[in-house]
């Protein structure tokens, strides 16, 4: 099943964004997502992120959401649920599409998925690679009722 939400055009107006959608990961994204990680992340972060991506893909691909502009993947958010806690692992946006609100939309869509799953709390992995995610998180935190940051490593787990 693919969920697609349209982006608020007022929020992205004048930012050079074409036809943008936030949607579930699908099989057609398999080649582009690792390529995006390689383009946007350091080598060490890439290795960690691709492992988390592969693990989450095997367990529950509904917690991987992508942003596409004119049908090209330009952003990815990876989350998981562990012990009834929603966990943001990584949000990656292509360098040429940053500062356009895409990361915020990915964070919000993944947040909505966590709420649909009735998690008790939501956390962000607090590591040096997640500084952009933490910045988005801090800006949006006023909209989230049950949030916290997490200083320990995350692992992908199945839906319980």
Protein backbone atom coordinates (compact mmCIF):
# COMPACT_ATOMS: atom_id res chain seq x y z
CA UNK A 1 0.00 0.00 0.00
CA UNK A 2 1.33 3.46 -0.88
CA UNK A 3 0.30 6.54 1.08
CA UNK A 4 0.82 9.85 -0.67
CA UNK A 5 0.31 13.28 0.83
CA UNK A 6 0.52 16.50 -1.08
CA UNK A 7 2.85 19.16 0.28
CA UNK A 8 1.60 22.57 1.37
CA UNK A 9 2.31 24.63 -1.74
CA UNK A 10 2.45 27.87 0.27
CA UNK A 11 5.30 26.49 2.39
CA UNK A 12 7.34 25.52 -0.68
CA UNK A 13 6.38 28.38 -3.00
CA UNK A 14 9.34 30.14 -4.57
CA UNK A 15 11.81 27.47 -3.46
CA UNK A 16 12.26 25.76 -6.82
CA UNK A 17 10.31 22.64 -5.86
CA UNK A 18 8.37 20.95 -8.66
CA UNK A 19 5.73 18.29 -8.09
CA UNK A 20 6.73 17.06 -4.61
CA UNK A 21 5.21 14.14 -2.70
CA UNK A 22 5.94 12.43 0.60
CA UNK A 23 5.12 8.73 0.30
CA UNK A 24 5.96 5.23 1.43
CA UNK A 25 9.11 3.57 0.17
CA UNK A 26 8.44 1.30 -2.82
CA UNK A 27 10.43 -1.25 -4.78
CA UNK A 28 11.19 1.27 -7.54
CA UNK A 29 13.18 3.29 -4.95
CA UNK A 30 15.71 0.50 -4.28
CA UNK A 31 18.41 1.88 -6.57
CA UNK A 32 17.97 5.59 -5.84
CA UNK A 33 17.86 5.50 -2.02
CA UNK A 34 21.37 4.03 -1.52
CA UNK A 35 22.64 6.44 -4.20
CA UNK A 36 21.09 9.35 -2.28
CA UNK A 37 22.75 8.15 0.93
CA UNK A 38 26.10 7.99 -0.84
CA UNK A 39 25.69 11.51 -2.26
CA UNK A 40 24.50 13.11 0.96
CA UNK A 41 26.33 11.33 3.79
CA UNK A 42 29.89 10.82 4.95
CA UNK A 43 31.33 7.36 4.39
CA UNK A 44 30.96 6.36 8.05
CA UNK A 45 27.40 7.70 8.27
CA UNK A 46 26.56 5.99 4.97
CA UNK A 47 27.65 2.60 6.33
CA UNK A 48 25.56 3.01 9.48
CA UNK A 49 22.55 4.35 7.59
CA UNK A 50 22.54 1.75 4.83
CA UNK A 51 22.65 -1.01 7.47
CA UNK A 52 19.72 0.53 9.35
CA UNK A 53 17.86 1.00 6.06
CA UNK A 54 18.36 -2.64 5.05
CA UNK A 55 17.30 -3.88 8.48
CA UNK A 56 14.20 -1.71 8.59
CA UNK A 57 13.31 -2.62 5.03
CA UNK A 58 13.36 -6.29 6.02
CA UNK A 59 11.23 -5.70 9.13
CA UNK A 60 8.74 -2.97 8.29
CA UNK A 61 9.11 -0.84 5.17
CA UNK A 62 6.13 1.36 6.16
CA UNK A 63 8.50 3.18 8.52
CA UNK A 64 10.65 4.30 5.59
CA UNK A 65 9.22 7.34 3.86
CA UNK A 66 10.57 9.15 0.83
CA UNK A 67 10.24 12.60 -0.64
CA UNK A 68 10.09 12.76 -4.41
CA UNK A 69 10.23 15.78 -6.67
CA UNK A 70 9.02 15.24 -10.21
CA UNK A 71 9.13 11.48 -9.45
CA UNK A 72 12.81 11.50 -8.38
CA UNK A 73 13.65 10.53 -4.78
CA UNK A 74 15.28 13.52 -3.05
CA UNK A 75 14.78 12.61 0.62
CA UNK A 76 14.35 9.63 2.94
CA UNK A 77 13.36 9.20 6.58
CA UNK A 78 14.05 5.95 8.40
CA UNK A 79 12.24 5.10 11.61
CA UNK A 80 11.57 2.05 13.71
CA UNK A 81 9.48 1.06 16.71
CA UNK A 82 11.14 -0.52 19.69
CA UNK A 83 9.32 -1.36 22.93
CA UNK A 84 6.35 0.76 21.82
CA UNK A 85 8.60 3.78 21.23
CA UNK A 86 8.87 5.42 17.81
CA UNK A 87 12.49 6.09 16.93
CA UNK A 88 13.80 8.39 14.21
CA UNK A 89 17.03 6.91 12.92
CA UNK A 90 17.94 9.20 10.04
CA UNK A 91 16.49 11.83 7.72
CA UNK A 92 18.50 12.41 4.52
CA UNK A 93 17.81 15.10 1.93
CA UNK A 94 19.76 15.56 -1.30
CA UNK A 95 22.16 18.52 -0.94
CA UNK A 96 20.52 20.47 -3.79
CA UNK A 97 17.09 20.10 -2.14
CA UNK A 98 17.99 21.16 1.41
CA UNK A 99 16.44 24.14 3.18
CA UNK A 100 13.19 23.73 1.24
CA UNK A 101 11.09 22.12 3.98
CA UNK A 102 11.54 18.56 2.71
CA UNK A 103 13.17 17.31 5.92
CA UNK A 104 10.36 18.81 7.98
CA UNK A 105 7.75 17.07 5.81
CA UNK A 106 9.57 13.74 6.15
CA UNK A 107 9.76 14.13 9.93
CA UNK A 108 6.05 14.96 10.09
CA UNK A 109 5.03 12.01 7.90
CA UNK A 110 7.07 9.58 9.99
CA UNK A 111 5.59 11.15 13.14
CA UNK A 112 2.11 10.49 11.72
CA UNK A 113 3.06 6.84 11.14
CA UNK A 114 4.21 6.54 14.75
CA UNK A 115 0.91 8.01 15.97
CA UNK A 116 -1.05 5.59 13.74
CA UNK A 117 0.87 2.75 15.41
CA UNK A 118 -0.09 4.15 18.83
CA UNK A 119 3.44 4.41 20.19
CA UNK A 120 3.79 5.68 23.76
CA UNK A 121 6.70 8.01 22.98
CA UNK A 122 8.86 9.22 20.12
CA UNK A 123 12.63 9.68 20.24
CA UNK A 124 15.48 10.88 18.03
CA UNK A 125 18.87 9.23 17.98
CA UNK A 126 21.20 11.91 19.33
CA UNK A 127 24.42 11.48 17.36
CA UNK A 128 26.69 13.78 15.36
CA UNK A 129 25.08 12.66 12.09
CA UNK A 130 21.63 13.74 13.23
CA UNK A 131 22.39 17.42 13.82
CA UNK A 132 20.10 18.47 10.94
CA UNK A 133 17.38 16.12 12.20
CA UNK A 134 17.75 17.44 15.74
CA UNK A 135 17.43 20.98 14.39
CA UNK A 136 14.16 20.08 12.65
CA UNK A 137 13.04 18.20 15.76
CA UNK A 138 13.68 21.20 18.00
CA UNK A 139 11.77 23.52 15.65
CA UNK A 140 8.80 21.13 15.49
CA UNK A 141 8.90 19.87 19.09
CA UNK A 142 6.12 22.20 20.17
CA UNK A 143 3.78 20.19 17.94
CA UNK A 144 4.66 16.82 19.47
CA UNK A 145 3.17 15.77 22.79
CA UNK A 146 5.39 12.78 23.67
CA UNK A 147 8.98 13.39 22.61
CA UNK A 148 12.49 12.87 23.83
CA UNK A 149 15.98 12.48 22.42
CA UNK A 150 17.85 9.22 22.77
CA UNK A 151 21.60 8.92 23.33
CA UNK A 152 21.92 5.17 22.71
CA UNK A 153 22.22 3.33 19.38
CA UNK A 154 19.01 2.26 17.65
CA UNK A 155 18.24 -1.04 16.00
CA UNK A 156 15.46 -1.99 13.63
CA UNK A 157 12.78 -4.19 15.12
CA UNK A 158 9.58 -5.65 13.75
CA UNK A 159 6.07 -4.46 14.40
CA UNK A 160 4.87 -5.96 17.64
